[in-house]
């Protein structure tokens, strides 16, 4: 699976742990995030991830910032991107099952690194249920 990942300064260590997990699982990961703790602007790292998902070069995206909100707002500006802010594994599962989310946004200041990896595992291993949820997902995109 091809996965794009991006983070600001709050998510650097989270990204490193997530990337190690993904690569160990055989996924192809493209890193658009910062690799240090110096202050940066989250949209600069969220937009490239969303672009990859939007144009189909990545199957899924993972974005990380302090609250998860700013980077989620950034990725959701892209057509066809359904970014879900997740803070526990169960929300990540529902985001996939019910919303067909294709980007997970993780709040680094409100989850542990292990929780983040668990959310990513759940997110990537959960299928969209379709059915009644498809009608709702179809209404997300503006025509």
Protein backbone atom coordinates (compact mmCIF):
# COMPACT_ATOMS: atom_id res chain seq x y z
CA UNK A 1 0.00 0.00 0.00
CA UNK A 2 1.20 3.55 -0.75
CA UNK A 3 0.87 5.92 2.18
CA UNK A 4 1.70 9.62 2.38
CA UNK A 5 2.52 11.04 5.80
CA UNK A 6 2.97 14.61 6.97
CA UNK A 7 3.50 16.30 10.30
CA UNK A 8 4.42 19.55 11.94
CA UNK A 9 6.89 19.96 14.81
CA UNK A 10 4.47 18.45 17.36
CA UNK A 11 4.29 15.16 15.47
CA UNK A 12 7.90 14.38 14.53
CA UNK A 13 8.46 11.53 16.99
CA UNK A 14 4.97 10.17 16.26
CA UNK A 15 5.71 10.10 12.56
CA UNK A 16 8.98 8.28 13.12
CA UNK A 17 7.27 5.55 15.13
CA UNK A 18 4.40 5.24 12.63
CA UNK A 19 6.77 5.11 9.64
CA UNK A 20 8.82 2.36 11.33
CA UNK A 21 5.63 0.33 11.81
CA UNK A 22 4.43 0.94 8.23
CA UNK A 23 7.74 0.03 6.64
CA UNK A 24 7.99 -3.12 8.77
CA UNK A 25 4.58 -4.08 7.36
CA UNK A 26 5.89 -3.59 3.80
CA UNK A 27 4.07 -0.35 2.98
CA UNK A 28 5.59 2.26 0.68
CA UNK A 29 5.72 5.51 2.69
CA UNK A 30 6.34 9.00 1.34
CA UNK A 31 7.36 11.49 4.03
CA UNK A 32 6.14 15.06 3.59
CA UNK A 33 6.63 16.00 7.24
CA UNK A 34 9.28 17.88 9.08
CA UNK A 35 12.01 15.79 10.66
CA UNK A 36 12.81 18.03 13.61
CA UNK A 37 11.10 19.92 16.42
CA UNK A 38 11.56 23.47 15.09
CA UNK A 39 8.31 25.39 14.69
CA UNK A 40 6.73 25.02 11.24
CA UNK A 41 3.29 25.55 9.67
CA UNK A 42 1.11 22.43 9.46
CA UNK A 43 -0.59 23.33 6.12
CA UNK A 44 2.81 23.11 4.43
CA UNK A 45 2.88 19.40 5.31
CA UNK A 46 -0.81 18.54 5.11
CA UNK A 47 -1.40 19.82 1.58
CA UNK A 48 1.20 17.56 -0.10
CA UNK A 49 -0.29 14.52 1.65
CA UNK A 50 -3.80 15.50 0.55
CA UNK A 51 -2.60 16.10 -3.01
CA UNK A 52 -1.20 12.57 -3.17
CA UNK A 53 -4.49 11.09 -1.94
CA UNK A 54 -6.50 13.40 -4.20
CA UNK A 55 -4.65 12.37 -7.36
CA UNK A 56 -4.42 8.69 -6.43
CA UNK A 57 -0.66 8.50 -5.98
CA UNK A 58 -1.24 7.47 -2.36
CA UNK A 59 -3.88 5.05 -1.14
CA UNK A 60 -4.12 6.73 2.26
CA UNK A 61 -2.73 9.69 4.14
CA UNK A 62 -1.65 10.19 7.72
CA UNK A 63 -1.26 13.70 9.14
CA UNK A 64 -0.16 14.78 12.59
CA UNK A 65 -0.12 18.10 14.43
CA UNK A 66 -0.60 19.21 18.02
CA UNK A 67 -4.40 19.17 18.16
CA UNK A 68 -4.96 17.41 14.84
CA UNK A 69 -7.50 20.07 13.93
CA UNK A 70 -5.44 22.45 11.82
CA UNK A 71 -3.91 19.76 9.67
CA UNK A 72 -7.31 18.04 9.31
CA UNK A 73 -8.83 21.31 8.11
CA UNK A 74 -6.00 21.68 5.61
CA UNK A 75 -6.35 18.22 4.06
CA UNK A 76 -10.13 18.54 3.85
CA UNK A 77 -9.79 21.47 1.42
CA UNK A 78 -8.90 18.91 -1.27
CA UNK A 79 -11.58 17.27 -3.43
CA UNK A 80 -12.06 13.61 -2.69
CA UNK A 81 -10.16 13.77 0.57
CA UNK A 82 -12.05 12.73 3.67
CA UNK A 83 -9.77 13.49 6.59
CA UNK A 84 -10.90 12.27 10.00
CA UNK A 85 -9.60 13.59 13.31
CA UNK A 86 -9.12 10.50 15.48
CA UNK A 87 -8.04 10.35 19.11
CA UNK A 88 -8.88 6.71 19.91
CA UNK A 89 -8.82 3.49 17.91
CA UNK A 90 -12.61 3.16 17.88
CA UNK A 91 -13.00 6.53 16.15
CA UNK A 92 -10.44 5.47 13.52
CA UNK A 93 -12.45 2.31 12.84
CA UNK A 94 -15.72 4.25 12.51
CA UNK A 95 -14.06 6.84 10.26
CA UNK A 96 -13.26 4.04 7.81
CA UNK A 97 -16.43 1.96 8.22
CA UNK A 98 -18.96 4.80 8.08
CA UNK A 99 -17.18 7.73 6.42
CA UNK A 100 -14.75 6.03 4.03
CA UNK A 101 -12.05 8.33 5.41
CA UNK A 102 -8.85 8.23 3.41
CA UNK A 103 -6.73 10.44 5.66
CA UNK A 104 -6.34 10.06 9.41
CA UNK A 105 -5.45 13.16 11.44
CA UNK A 106 -3.77 12.48 14.77
CA UNK A 107 -3.54 14.95 17.69
CA UNK A 108 -0.01 14.46 19.04
CA UNK A 109 -0.62 16.46 22.20
CA UNK A 110 -3.64 14.36 23.18
CA UNK A 111 -2.60 10.79 22.34
CA UNK A 112 0.43 8.65 23.06
CA UNK A 113 2.72 7.39 20.32
CA UNK A 114 1.50 3.84 20.96
CA UNK A 115 -2.13 4.97 20.64
CA UNK A 116 -1.23 6.66 17.37
CA UNK A 117 0.26 3.47 15.95
CA UNK A 118 -2.78 1.50 17.11
CA UNK A 119 -5.08 4.00 15.39
CA UNK A 120 -3.11 3.76 12.16
CA UNK A 121 -3.26 -0.06 12.28
CA UNK A 122 -7.02 0.03 12.82
CA UNK A 123 -7.53 2.70 10.15
CA UNK A 124 -5.59 0.84 7.47
CA UNK A 125 -7.12 -2.55 8.28
CA UNK A 126 -10.75 -1.46 8.34
CA UNK A 127 -12.93 -1.60 5.23
CA UNK A 128 -15.67 0.87 4.30
CA UNK A 129 -19.07 -0.74 4.92
CA UNK A 130 -20.81 0.98 2.00
CA UNK A 131 -24.56 0.47 1.99
CA UNK A 132 -26.46 3.23 3.77
CA UNK A 133 -23.13 4.96 4.49
CA UNK A 134 -22.37 5.42 0.78
CA UNK A 135 -25.31 7.80 0.38
CA UNK A 136 -23.94 9.95 3.19
CA UNK A 137 -20.39 9.89 1.90
CA UNK A 138 -21.66 10.95 -1.53
CA UNK A 139 -23.17 14.05 0.10
CA UNK A 140 -19.85 15.15 1.61
CA UNK A 141 -18.38 16.33 -1.70
CA UNK A 142 -19.62 19.65 -3.04
CA UNK A 143 -20.55 19.58 -6.71
